[in-house]
Amino acid sequence: MTIEQSILRLIFPNEIFEWFDAVSGTKDDHEVHVVFEEKNIPPPTNTHQHGNVVSKGFTDITISDFPIRGRKTLLTFRRRYWRIDGEPKLLKRDIKLVFPGTQLEQEFASFLKEGSGD
C-alpha cells in the first residue's frame, strides 16, 4: 500500500475501499476532488453458469463530502456495469454511496444529523 493510499484510508470510510480503488485526485485553493473506480468484481448471480461476465464500462456519480482543510470535497465514484454473454440486462452491484434524500456521503450525513439533534 502506498503512502497516498494509507492517508486516504485515514480520511474516508473503510467500506469505500472494499469495493473501490482510488485512481486519481486533484486539489486547488478551493476544492479537493478524489476519483474512486469500482473494482472489477462482478456481483453474484444465478446466471453466471450460463455465460461469461464482462465489464461493460462505467457510470460516474459525483457527491459532496465533508470539507477537507477548508476546501469543498467532491468524490466521484466510477460505478462499473457488467453484462453476461447472451443476456440483454446489465448488472451492477448494490452499493449505497449517499444518504437517502441528500448528495452527501452516508457517514457525513450521519455526523450532521447527530450535531443538529434532528
C-alpha atoms as a PDB file:
ATOM      1  CA  MET A   1       0.000   0.000   0.000  1.00  0.00           C
ATOM      2  CA  THR A   2       1.386   3.409  -0.967  1.00  0.00           C
ATOM      3  CA  ILE A   3       1.566   6.309   1.469  1.00  0.00           C
ATOM      4  CA  GLU A   4      -1.189   8.057  -0.525  1.00  0.00           C
ATOM      5  CA  GLN A   5      -3.487   5.058  -0.091  1.00  0.00           C
ATOM      6  CA  SER A   6      -2.697   4.923   3.627  1.00  0.00           C
ATOM      7  CA  ILE A   7      -3.615   8.595   4.022  1.00  0.00           C
ATOM      8  CA  LEU A   8      -6.855   8.168   2.050  1.00  0.00           C
ATOM      9  CA  ARG A   9      -7.812   5.286   4.357  1.00  0.00           C
ATOM     10  CA  LEU A  10      -7.476   7.674   7.310  1.00  0.00           C
ATOM     11  CA  ILE A  11      -9.800  10.218   5.700  1.00  0.00           C
ATOM     12  CA  PHE A  12     -12.501   8.103   4.052  1.00  0.00           C
ATOM     13  CA  PRO A  13     -14.664   5.261   5.450  1.00  0.00           C
ATOM     14  CA  ASN A  14     -13.068   1.827   5.133  1.00  0.00           C
ATOM     15  CA  GLU A  15     -16.159   0.493   3.330  1.00  0.00           C
ATOM     16  CA  ILE A  16     -15.211   2.542   0.265  1.00  0.00           C
ATOM     17  CA  PHE A  17     -12.015   0.540  -0.165  1.00  0.00           C
ATOM     18  CA  GLU A  18     -13.875  -2.762  -0.049  1.00  0.00           C
ATOM     19  CA  TRP A  19     -15.447  -2.008  -3.449  1.00  0.00           C
ATOM     20  CA  PHE A  20     -13.387   0.862  -4.912  1.00  0.00           C
ATOM     21  CA  ASP A  21      -9.794   1.819  -5.699  1.00  0.00           C
ATOM     22  CA  ALA A  22      -8.685   5.466  -5.556  1.00  0.00           C
ATOM     23  CA  VAL A  23      -7.452   6.177  -9.100  1.00  0.00           C
ATOM     24  CA  SER A  24      -6.837   9.932  -9.122  1.00  0.00           C
ATOM     25  CA  GLY A  25      -7.082  13.096  -7.102  1.00  0.00           C
ATOM     26  CA  THR A  26      -6.661  16.829  -7.555  1.00  0.00           C
ATOM     27  CA  LYS A  27      -6.729  19.878  -5.314  1.00  0.00           C
ATOM     28  CA  ASP A  28      -6.625  23.617  -5.727  1.00  0.00           C
ATOM     29  CA  ASP A  29      -7.238  26.548  -3.378  1.00  0.00           C
ATOM     30  CA  HIS A  30     -10.982  25.837  -3.243  1.00  0.00           C
ATOM     31  CA  GLU A  31     -11.598  22.159  -3.927  1.00  0.00           C
ATOM     32  CA  VAL A  32     -10.386  18.590  -3.382  1.00  0.00           C
ATOM     33  CA  HIS A  33     -11.584  16.011  -5.906  1.00  0.00           C
ATOM     34  CA  VAL A  34     -10.939  12.274  -5.492  1.00  0.00           C
ATOM     35  CA  VAL A  35     -11.962   9.679  -8.077  1.00  0.00           C
ATOM     36  CA  PHE A  36     -12.730   6.118  -6.991  1.00  0.00           C
ATOM     37  CA  GLU A  37     -13.191   3.318  -9.523  1.00  0.00           C
ATOM     38  CA  GLU A  38     -15.239   0.225  -8.694  1.00  0.00           C
ATOM     39  CA  LYS A  39     -13.162  -2.947  -8.630  1.00  0.00           C
ATOM     40  CA  ASN A  40     -13.800  -5.464 -11.394  1.00  0.00           C
ATOM     41  CA  ILE A  41     -15.584  -7.959  -9.135  1.00  0.00           C
ATOM     42  CA  PRO A  42     -18.900  -8.935 -10.745  1.00  0.00           C
ATOM     43  CA  PRO A  43     -21.904  -9.268  -8.421  1.00  0.00           C
ATOM     44  CA  PRO A  44     -23.055 -12.827  -7.732  1.00  0.00           C
ATOM     45  CA  THR A  45     -25.891 -14.045  -9.893  1.00  0.00           C
ATOM     46  CA  ASN A  46     -27.540 -17.387 -10.636  1.00  0.00           C
ATOM     47  CA  THR A  47     -26.917 -16.896 -14.361  1.00  0.00           C
ATOM     48  CA  HIS A  48     -23.091 -16.946 -14.034  1.00  0.00           C
ATOM     49  CA  GLN A  49     -23.231 -20.581 -15.096  1.00  0.00           C
ATOM     50  CA  HIS A  50     -24.718 -19.623 -18.476  1.00  0.00           C
ATOM     51  CA  GLY A  51     -22.040 -17.251 -19.796  1.00  0.00           C
ATOM     52  CA  ASN A  52     -19.026 -15.092 -19.182  1.00  0.00           C
ATOM     53  CA  VAL A  53     -19.474 -11.908 -17.171  1.00  0.00           C
ATOM     54  CA  VAL A  54     -17.725  -8.981 -18.870  1.00  0.00           C
ATOM     55  CA  SER A  55     -17.208  -5.418 -17.622  1.00  0.00           C
ATOM     56  CA  LYS A  56     -19.024  -3.034 -19.962  1.00  0.00           C
ATOM     57  CA  GLY A  57     -17.901   0.353 -18.672  1.00  0.00           C
ATOM     58  CA  PHE A  58     -18.716   2.902 -16.021  1.00  0.00           C
ATOM     59  CA  THR A  59     -21.255   5.469 -14.904  1.00  0.00           C
ATOM     60  CA  ASP A  60     -19.851   8.342 -12.849  1.00  0.00           C
ATOM     61  CA  ILE A  61     -21.570   9.598  -9.708  1.00  0.00           C
ATOM     62  CA  THR A  62     -20.156  12.719  -8.020  1.00  0.00           C
ATOM     63  CA  ILE A  63     -21.154  13.630  -4.464  1.00  0.00           C
ATOM     64  CA  SER A  64     -20.130  16.289  -1.963  1.00  0.00           C
ATOM     65  CA  ASP A  65     -18.404  15.134   1.205  1.00  0.00           C
ATOM     66  CA  PHE A  66     -17.109  16.740   4.397  1.00  0.00           C
ATOM     67  CA  PRO A  67     -14.734  19.630   3.556  1.00  0.00           C
ATOM     68  CA  ILE A  68     -11.019  18.847   3.837  1.00  0.00           C
ATOM     69  CA  ARG A  69      -8.823  21.668   5.188  1.00  0.00           C
ATOM     70  CA  GLY A  70     -11.484  24.239   4.296  1.00  0.00           C
ATOM     71  CA  ARG A  71     -11.797  23.005   0.714  1.00  0.00           C
ATOM     72  CA  LYS A  72     -15.006  21.736  -0.863  1.00  0.00           C
ATOM     73  CA  THR A  73     -14.619  17.965  -1.271  1.00  0.00           C
ATOM     74  CA  LEU A  74     -16.027  16.135  -4.271  1.00  0.00           C
ATOM     75  CA  LEU A  75     -15.928  12.369  -4.589  1.00  0.00           C
ATOM     76  CA  THR A  76     -16.509  10.782  -7.972  1.00  0.00           C
ATOM     77  CA  PHE A  77     -17.400   7.113  -7.900  1.00  0.00           C
ATOM     78  CA  ARG A  78     -16.977   5.349 -11.222  1.00  0.00           C
ATOM     79  CA  ARG A  79     -19.644   2.634 -10.903  1.00  0.00           C
ATOM     80  CA  ARG A  80     -18.934  -0.431 -13.027  1.00  0.00           C
ATOM     81  CA  TYR A  81     -21.528  -2.317 -15.068  1.00  0.00           C
ATOM     82  CA  TRP A  82     -21.264  -5.911 -16.307  1.00  0.00           C
ATOM     83  CA  ARG A  83     -23.045  -7.970 -18.912  1.00  0.00           C
ATOM     84  CA  ILE A  84     -23.455 -11.724 -19.039  1.00  0.00           C
ATOM     85  CA  ASP A  85     -22.761 -13.014 -22.550  1.00  0.00           C
ATOM     86  CA  GLY A  86     -26.066 -13.552 -24.302  1.00  0.00           C
ATOM     87  CA  GLU A  87     -28.112 -11.554 -21.750  1.00  0.00           C
ATOM     88  CA  PRO A  88     -29.507  -8.079 -22.568  1.00  0.00           C
ATOM     89  CA  LYS A  89     -29.654  -6.882 -18.947  1.00  0.00           C
ATOM     90  CA  LEU A  90     -26.687  -5.049 -17.398  1.00  0.00           C
ATOM     91  CA  LEU A  91     -25.607  -5.968 -13.868  1.00  0.00           C
ATOM     92  CA  LYS A  92     -24.405  -3.644 -11.155  1.00  0.00           C
ATOM     93  CA  ARG A  93     -23.526  -4.087  -7.519  1.00  0.00           C
ATOM     94  CA  ASP A  94     -25.920  -2.538  -4.965  1.00  0.00           C
ATOM     95  CA  ILE A  95     -23.578  -0.180  -3.093  1.00  0.00           C
ATOM     96  CA  LYS A  96     -25.113   2.663  -1.067  1.00  0.00           C
ATOM     97  CA  LEU A  97     -22.989   5.767  -1.702  1.00  0.00           C
ATOM     98  CA  VAL A  98     -25.189   8.594  -0.467  1.00  0.00           C
ATOM     99  CA  PHE A  99     -27.602   9.126   2.393  1.00  0.00           C
ATOM    100  CA  PRO A 100     -31.191   8.999   1.025  1.00  0.00           C
ATOM    101  CA  GLY A 101     -32.509  12.456   0.138  1.00  0.00           C
ATOM    102  CA  THR A 102     -29.060  14.106   0.147  1.00  0.00           C
ATOM    103  CA  GLN A 103     -25.981  14.421  -2.021  1.00  0.00           C
ATOM    104  CA  LEU A 104     -23.816  13.640   0.998  1.00  0.00           C
ATOM    105  CA  GLU A 105     -21.754  10.570   1.795  1.00  0.00           C
ATOM    106  CA  GLN A 106     -23.600   8.485   4.445  1.00  0.00           C
ATOM    107  CA  GLU A 107     -21.048   8.941   7.249  1.00  0.00           C
ATOM    108  CA  PHE A 108     -21.000  12.745   6.789  1.00  0.00           C
ATOM    109  CA  ALA A 109     -24.811  12.922   6.704  1.00  0.00           C
ATOM    110  CA  SER A 110     -24.957  10.946   9.974  1.00  0.00           C
ATOM    111  CA  PHE A 111     -22.415  13.329  11.516  1.00  0.00           C
ATOM    112  CA  LEU A 112     -24.529  16.365  10.542  1.00  0.00           C
ATOM    113  CA  LYS A 113     -27.712  14.716  11.857  1.00  0.00           C
ATOM    114  CA  GLU A 114     -26.075  13.995  15.238  1.00  0.00           C
ATOM    115  CA  GLY A 115     -24.787  17.568  15.533  1.00  0.00           C
ATOM    116  CA  SER A 116     -28.132  19.195  14.777  1.00  0.00           C
ATOM    117  CA  GLY A 117     -30.208  16.986  17.064  1.00  0.00           C
ATOM    118  CA  ASP A 118     -32.569  16.067  14.181  1.00  0.00           C
END
